Amino acid sequence: MASTDTGADAGRNDSPAAGKSPDTQDLAGLEAGLDALESVQAVRTPLRETLSRKVLPPVTAVALVLAVWQLLVWAEVAPDYKLPAPSDVWGEVTDAWRQGTLLDYVWTSVSRGLLGFLMALAIGTPLGLLVARVKFVRAAVGPVLSGLQSLPSVAWVPPAVLWLGLNNSMMYAVILLGAVPSVANGLVAGIDQIPPLFLRAGRTLGATGLRGARYVVMPAALPGYLAGLKQGWAFSWRSLMAAEIIASSPDLGVGLGQLLENGRNNASIAQVFLAIFLILLVGIAIDLLIFSPLERRVLRGRGLLVTR
């Protein structure tokens, strides 16, 4: 019996936890848990799951809308000149494609919208940083930016035409007046949400002035800033459509807004629907191709998104 107890004691003494206090074991377990959290790796989503989660739902929604639309046409809830059939709109698409004008409509508006948005980004970012960090500028300019953001973009079209004439400069002026306040206010909101501890830690490490703005303020305000960019693009796109609908000139070319207006003038509801769908398609494409990847990258960099 004694030999049996001796062997059991020897086995216990050889165990990894032998000789360690409970506090030491708890600390080791905590360190192991933290290491496990830090070692979480992003798992690549299988193609089938990606298709079922991201592709199938929007395709199903579009198919449902088309089915309901066709049912309304068959039920004759409205005359043809008010509610065209999906086949009529598709006929407008094929005609524009054969004539080689479909991509021209899209590119004319997209090129203006993206260039105007980049200009708004270049102006609104330093302006927002200045408003957020300088109290006097915030008191003087902050209310003006909020007022400009609430002003409908279409209100800027008549004065822009009178100031600059019917040209691309007028288009860009309307985009800037609509988008710059959104970009600036988005950055101000992001900076206001930065924990004060981050700013004090940055100053302690010598990150002041432009260095502090670059290495502390801008990275910490990135989520709010990105939300402001998305809103700024929405204002840019809407401002451009308003300008293209109201301002018409051969020198400006035919963008999506002008296509919409031409459909109204020609009493072609199918062409009107085509312009609306193209405007909507561009907005969705810009969000999926530019802003959604940026948002996922920001969230993943902050550990808020592992797989998506």
Protein backbone atom coordinates (compact mmCIF):
# COMPACT_ATOMS: atom_id res chain seq x y z
CA MET A 1 0.00 0.00 0.00
CA ALA A 2 2.87 2.35 0.78
CA SER A 3 4.45 1.69 -2.56
CA THR A 4 1.20 2.60 -4.25
CA ASP A 5 1.02 5.96 -2.43
CA THR A 6 4.65 6.65 -3.29
CA GLY A 7 3.96 6.08 -6.98
CA ALA A 8 0.92 8.36 -6.93
CA ASP A 9 2.92 11.10 -5.22
CA ALA A 10 5.65 10.73 -7.81
CA GLY A 11 3.09 11.05 -10.58
CA ARG A 12 1.69 14.21 -9.03
CA ASN A 13 5.13 15.71 -8.63
CA ASP A 14 5.90 15.10 -12.31
CA SER A 15 2.78 16.95 -13.52
CA PRO A 16 3.29 20.39 -15.23
CA ALA A 17 1.32 22.21 -12.56
CA ALA A 18 3.39 20.82 -9.71
CA GLY A 19 5.13 23.42 -7.62
CA LYS A 20 3.04 26.32 -8.99
CA SER A 21 0.74 28.44 -6.85
CA PRO A 22 -2.91 28.98 -7.87
CA ASP A 23 -2.16 32.63 -8.73
CA THR A 24 0.64 31.58 -11.06
CA GLN A 25 -1.63 29.04 -12.74
CA ASP A 26 -4.38 31.65 -13.21
CA LEU A 27 -1.86 34.10 -14.68
CA ALA A 28 -0.60 31.45 -17.08
CA GLY A 29 -4.16 30.66 -18.14
CA LEU A 30 -4.88 34.36 -18.70
CA GLU A 31 -1.76 34.77 -20.84
CA ALA A 32 -2.74 31.73 -22.86
CA GLY A 33 -6.21 33.15 -23.41
CA LEU A 34 -4.81 36.50 -24.54
CA ASP A 35 -2.42 34.74 -26.89
CA ALA A 36 -5.35 32.79 -28.33
CA LEU A 37 -7.29 36.00 -28.92
CA GLU A 38 -4.34 37.64 -30.66
CA SER A 39 -3.76 34.59 -32.83
CA VAL A 40 -7.27 34.62 -34.36
CA GLN A 41 -6.83 34.51 -38.10
CA ALA A 42 -9.29 35.62 -40.74
CA VAL A 43 -10.80 32.57 -42.35
CA ARG A 44 -11.35 32.70 -46.07
CA THR A 45 -15.05 32.33 -46.81
CA PRO A 46 -15.86 29.52 -49.28
CA LEU A 47 -17.12 30.63 -52.68
CA ARG A 48 -20.43 28.84 -52.26
CA GLU A 49 -21.09 30.61 -48.95
CA THR A 50 -20.12 33.97 -50.46
CA LEU A 51 -22.55 33.45 -53.31
CA SER A 52 -25.35 32.37 -51.00
CA ARG A 53 -24.83 35.24 -48.52
CA LYS A 54 -23.90 38.17 -50.76
CA VAL A 55 -25.00 37.41 -54.30
CA LEU A 56 -28.19 35.41 -53.92
CA PRO A 57 -30.13 37.90 -51.69
CA PRO A 58 -29.80 40.94 -54.01
CA VAL A 59 -30.44 38.81 -57.10
CA THR A 60 -33.56 37.42 -55.45
CA ALA A 61 -34.71 40.94 -54.53
CA VAL A 62 -34.22 42.18 -58.10
CA ALA A 63 -36.08 39.18 -59.50
CA LEU A 64 -38.95 39.81 -57.05
CA VAL A 65 -39.17 43.48 -58.04
CA LEU A 66 -39.23 42.57 -61.73
CA ALA A 67 -41.93 39.97 -61.11
CA VAL A 68 -44.12 42.42 -59.19
CA TRP A 69 -43.50 45.07 -61.84
CA GLN A 70 -44.57 42.71 -64.63
CA LEU A 71 -47.66 41.66 -62.68
CA LEU A 72 -48.66 45.31 -62.30
CA VAL A 73 -48.27 45.80 -66.04
CA TRP A 74 -50.38 42.74 -66.79
CA ALA A 75 -53.01 43.92 -64.32
CA GLU A 76 -53.09 47.29 -66.16
CA VAL A 77 -53.02 49.31 -62.95
CA ALA A 78 -51.73 52.25 -65.02
CA PRO A 79 -51.64 53.08 -68.73
CA ASP A 80 -48.53 52.31 -70.79
CA TYR A 81 -47.39 55.93 -70.87
CA LYS A 82 -47.22 55.94 -67.07
CA LEU A 83 -45.94 52.44 -66.30
CA PRO A 84 -43.83 50.81 -69.01
CA ALA A 85 -43.23 47.09 -69.14
CA PRO A 86 -39.78 45.77 -68.18
CA SER A 87 -39.35 44.66 -71.79
CA ASP A 88 -39.84 48.26 -72.97
CA VAL A 89 -37.10 49.52 -70.64
CA TRP A 90 -34.85 46.68 -71.75
CA GLY A 91 -35.52 47.75 -75.33
CA GLU A 92 -34.20 51.22 -74.46
CA VAL A 93 -31.09 49.59 -73.01
CA THR A 94 -30.42 47.53 -76.14
CA ASP A 95 -31.07 50.50 -78.44
CA ALA A 96 -28.64 52.70 -76.51
CA TRP A 97 -26.07 49.89 -76.53
CA ARG A 98 -26.36 49.39 -80.30
CA GLN A 99 -26.00 53.12 -80.88
CA GLY A 100 -22.92 53.19 -78.67
CA THR A 101 -24.36 55.83 -76.34
CA LEU A 102 -25.12 53.81 -73.22
CA LEU A 103 -21.59 53.83 -71.83
CA ASP A 104 -21.19 57.47 -72.87
CA TYR A 105 -24.18 58.44 -70.71
CA VAL A 106 -22.72 56.61 -67.72
CA TRP A 107 -19.12 57.77 -68.16
CA THR A 108 -20.07 61.43 -68.65
CA SER A 109 -21.77 61.52 -65.26
CA VAL A 110 -19.42 59.16 -63.40
CA SER A 111 -16.29 61.04 -64.47
CA ARG A 112 -17.79 64.34 -63.36
CA GLY A 113 -19.06 62.89 -60.11
CA LEU A 114 -15.77 61.22 -59.12
CA LEU A 115 -13.63 64.23 -60.05
CA GLY A 116 -15.94 66.57 -58.19
CA PHE A 117 -15.92 64.27 -55.17
CA LEU A 118 -12.11 64.15 -55.13
CA MET A 119 -12.05 67.95 -55.23
CA ALA A 120 -14.55 68.06 -52.34
CA LEU A 121 -12.35 65.60 -50.47
CA ALA A 122 -9.27 67.78 -50.94
CA ILE A 123 -11.12 70.87 -49.68
CA GLY A 124 -13.37 69.36 -47.02
CA THR A 125 -10.70 67.35 -45.19
CA PRO A 126 -8.42 70.23 -44.13
CA LEU A 127 -11.47 72.39 -43.54
CA GLY A 128 -13.00 69.80 -41.21
CA LEU A 129 -9.69 69.34 -39.39
CA LEU A 130 -9.41 73.09 -38.91
CA VAL A 131 -12.98 73.44 -37.66
CA ALA A 132 -12.57 70.54 -35.23
CA ARG A 133 -9.25 71.68 -33.75
CA VAL A 134 -9.55 75.49 -33.65
CA LYS A 135 -12.30 76.79 -31.37
CA PHE A 136 -12.62 80.19 -33.01
CA VAL A 137 -12.98 78.66 -36.49
CA ARG A 138 -15.51 76.17 -35.16
CA ALA A 139 -17.61 78.93 -33.61
CA ALA A 140 -17.48 80.96 -36.82
CA VAL A 141 -17.68 78.31 -39.55
CA GLY A 142 -19.34 75.32 -37.87
CA PRO A 143 -22.92 76.65 -38.04
CA VAL A 144 -22.38 77.73 -41.65
CA LEU A 145 -21.27 74.22 -42.64
CA SER A 146 -24.33 72.71 -40.96
CA GLY A 147 -26.58 75.17 -42.76
CA LEU A 148 -24.96 74.48 -46.12
CA GLN A 149 -25.34 70.75 -45.59
CA SER A 150 -29.08 71.11 -45.06
CA LEU A 151 -29.50 73.33 -48.14
CA PRO A 152 -30.88 71.41 -51.16
CA SER A 153 -28.25 71.00 -53.86
CA VAL A 154 -30.64 72.11 -56.58
CA ALA A 155 -30.66 75.60 -55.05
CA TRP A 156 -27.06 76.11 -56.17
CA VAL A 157 -27.71 75.42 -59.85
CA PRO A 158 -29.23 78.80 -60.89
CA PRO A 159 -26.52 80.95 -59.25
CA ALA A 160 -23.79 78.63 -60.55
CA VAL A 161 -25.13 79.01 -64.10
CA LEU A 162 -25.21 82.81 -63.73
CA TRP A 163 -21.71 82.93 -62.23
CA LEU A 164 -19.90 80.43 -64.45
CA GLY A 165 -22.13 79.76 -67.45
CA LEU A 166 -23.17 76.44 -68.96
CA ASN A 167 -19.92 74.49 -68.69
CA ASN A 168 -18.22 71.81 -66.61
CA SER A 169 -16.99 74.41 -64.12
CA MET A 170 -20.60 75.08 -63.18
CA MET A 171 -21.12 71.34 -62.63
CA TYR A 172 -18.09 71.07 -60.36
CA ALA A 173 -19.11 74.17 -58.41
CA VAL A 174 -22.51 72.64 -57.64
CA ILE A 175 -20.84 69.37 -56.57
CA LEU A 176 -18.42 71.18 -54.27
CA LEU A 177 -21.11 73.29 -52.66
CA GLY A 178 -23.11 70.15 -51.97
CA ALA A 179 -20.34 67.77 -50.89
CA VAL A 180 -17.73 69.83 -49.03
CA PRO A 181 -19.96 70.50 -45.97
CA SER A 182 -20.73 66.77 -45.64
CA VAL A 183 -17.08 65.75 -45.81
CA ALA A 184 -16.03 68.45 -43.33
CA ASN A 185 -18.85 67.71 -40.88
CA GLY A 186 -18.12 63.99 -41.06
CA LEU A 187 -14.52 64.59 -40.06
CA VAL A 188 -15.58 66.97 -37.27
CA ALA A 189 -17.95 64.32 -35.90
CA GLY A 190 -15.21 61.69 -36.05
CA ILE A 191 -12.73 63.90 -34.20
CA ASP A 192 -15.30 64.78 -31.54
CA GLN A 193 -15.67 61.05 -30.79
CA ILE A 194 -11.95 60.46 -30.16
CA PRO A 195 -11.32 59.49 -26.51
CA PRO A 196 -9.36 62.29 -24.79
CA LEU A 197 -6.87 59.70 -23.53
CA PHE A 198 -5.69 59.12 -27.12
CA LEU A 199 -4.99 62.80 -27.61
CA ARG A 200 -3.13 63.11 -24.28
CA ALA A 201 -1.06 60.03 -25.07
CA GLY A 202 -0.18 61.49 -28.46
CA ARG A 203 0.92 64.78 -26.94
CA THR A 204 2.98 62.90 -24.35
CA LEU A 205 4.79 61.07 -27.14
CA GLY A 206 5.46 64.32 -28.97
CA ALA A 207 2.71 63.99 -31.63
CA THR A 208 1.55 67.59 -31.81
CA GLY A 209 0.58 69.90 -34.63
CA LEU A 210 0.66 68.25 -38.05
CA ARG A 211 2.29 65.12 -36.65
CA GLY A 212 -0.52 64.73 -34.15
CA ALA A 213 -3.11 65.25 -36.88
CA ARG A 214 -1.46 62.67 -39.11
CA TYR A 215 -0.59 59.95 -36.62
CA VAL A 216 -3.24 60.37 -33.90
CA VAL A 217 -6.25 62.45 -34.90
CA MET A 218 -6.90 61.19 -38.43
CA PRO A 219 -6.46 57.45 -37.67
CA ALA A 220 -8.63 57.71 -34.55
CA ALA A 221 -11.34 59.66 -36.41
CA LEU A 222 -11.33 57.32 -39.41
CA PRO A 223 -14.73 55.62 -38.79
CA GLY A 224 -16.59 58.93 -38.54
CA TYR A 225 -14.56 60.36 -41.39
CA LEU A 226 -15.47 57.41 -43.61
CA ALA A 227 -19.15 57.92 -42.82
CA GLY A 228 -18.73 61.55 -43.86
CA LEU A 229 -17.10 60.45 -47.11
CA LYS A 230 -20.02 58.18 -47.93
CA GLN A 231 -22.44 61.00 -47.26
CA GLY A 232 -20.24 63.38 -49.25
CA TRP A 233 -20.37 61.07 -52.26
CA ALA A 234 -24.16 60.86 -51.96
CA PHE A 235 -24.36 64.66 -51.97
CA SER A 236 -21.93 64.85 -54.90
CA TRP A 237 -24.00 62.44 -56.97
CA ARG A 238 -27.31 64.11 -56.16
CA SER A 239 -25.89 67.57 -56.81
CA LEU A 240 -24.57 66.46 -60.18
CA MET A 241 -27.90 64.92 -61.18
CA ALA A 242 -29.71 68.15 -60.26
CA ALA A 243 -27.24 70.20 -62.29
CA GLU A 244 -27.50 67.91 -65.32
CA ILE A 245 -31.29 67.95 -65.24
CA ILE A 246 -31.59 71.74 -65.05
CA ALA A 247 -28.57 72.86 -67.11
CA SER A 248 -28.67 71.74 -70.73
CA SER A 249 -26.10 72.59 -73.39
CA PRO A 250 -24.52 70.73 -76.34
CA ASP A 251 -21.10 71.54 -74.88
CA LEU A 252 -21.93 69.62 -71.70
CA GLY A 253 -22.70 66.34 -73.41
CA VAL A 254 -25.46 63.98 -72.32
CA GLY A 255 -25.12 62.53 -68.85
CA LEU A 256 -27.62 60.51 -66.87
CA GLY A 257 -29.41 63.59 -65.57
CA GLN A 258 -29.76 64.99 -69.08
CA LEU A 259 -30.95 61.57 -70.28
CA LEU A 260 -33.68 61.71 -67.64
CA GLU A 261 -34.71 65.18 -68.77
CA ASN A 262 -34.69 64.13 -72.43
CA GLY A 263 -37.04 61.27 -71.58
CA ARG A 264 -39.43 63.72 -69.95
CA ASN A 265 -39.28 66.10 -72.91
CA ASN A 266 -39.88 63.23 -75.34
CA ALA A 267 -42.72 61.82 -73.20
CA SER A 268 -40.82 58.50 -73.13
CA ILE A 269 -41.47 56.88 -69.78
CA ALA A 270 -39.25 53.94 -70.76
CA GLN A 271 -36.31 56.30 -71.24
CA VAL A 272 -37.10 57.95 -67.91
CA PHE A 273 -37.04 54.56 -66.17
CA LEU A 274 -33.78 53.69 -67.94
CA ALA A 275 -32.12 56.87 -66.61
CA ILE A 276 -33.43 56.22 -63.08
CA PHE A 277 -32.11 52.65 -63.09
CA LEU A 278 -28.70 53.74 -64.39
CA ILE A 279 -28.44 56.45 -61.72
CA LEU A 280 -29.35 53.88 -59.06
CA LEU A 281 -26.94 51.32 -60.50
CA VAL A 282 -24.00 53.74 -60.40
CA GLY A 283 -24.72 54.63 -56.78
CA ILE A 284 -24.83 50.96 -55.77
CA ALA A 285 -21.67 50.14 -57.75
CA ILE A 286 -19.66 52.97 -56.14
CA ASP A 287 -20.71 51.82 -52.68
CA LEU A 288 -19.85 48.16 -53.37
CA LEU A 289 -16.56 48.81 -55.17
CA ILE A 290 -15.14 51.68 -53.10
CA PHE A 291 -16.80 52.38 -49.79
CA SER A 292 -17.68 48.85 -48.63
CA PRO A 293 -14.08 47.57 -49.03
CA LEU A 294 -12.79 50.66 -47.20
CA GLU A 295 -15.27 50.12 -44.39
CA ARG A 296 -14.32 46.44 -44.04
CA ARG A 297 -10.64 47.34 -43.97
CA VAL A 298 -11.16 49.93 -41.23
CA LEU A 299 -13.26 47.55 -39.13
CA ARG A 300 -10.82 44.70 -39.62
CA GLY A 301 -7.89 46.92 -38.64
CA ARG A 302 -9.65 47.68 -35.35
CA GLY A 303 -10.41 44.04 -34.65
CA LEU A 304 -14.13 44.57 -35.16
CA LEU A 305 -14.38 42.31 -38.19
CA VAL A 306 -12.77 38.91 -38.55
CA THR A 307 -14.75 37.43 -41.39
CA ARG A 308 -17.32 39.03 -43.59
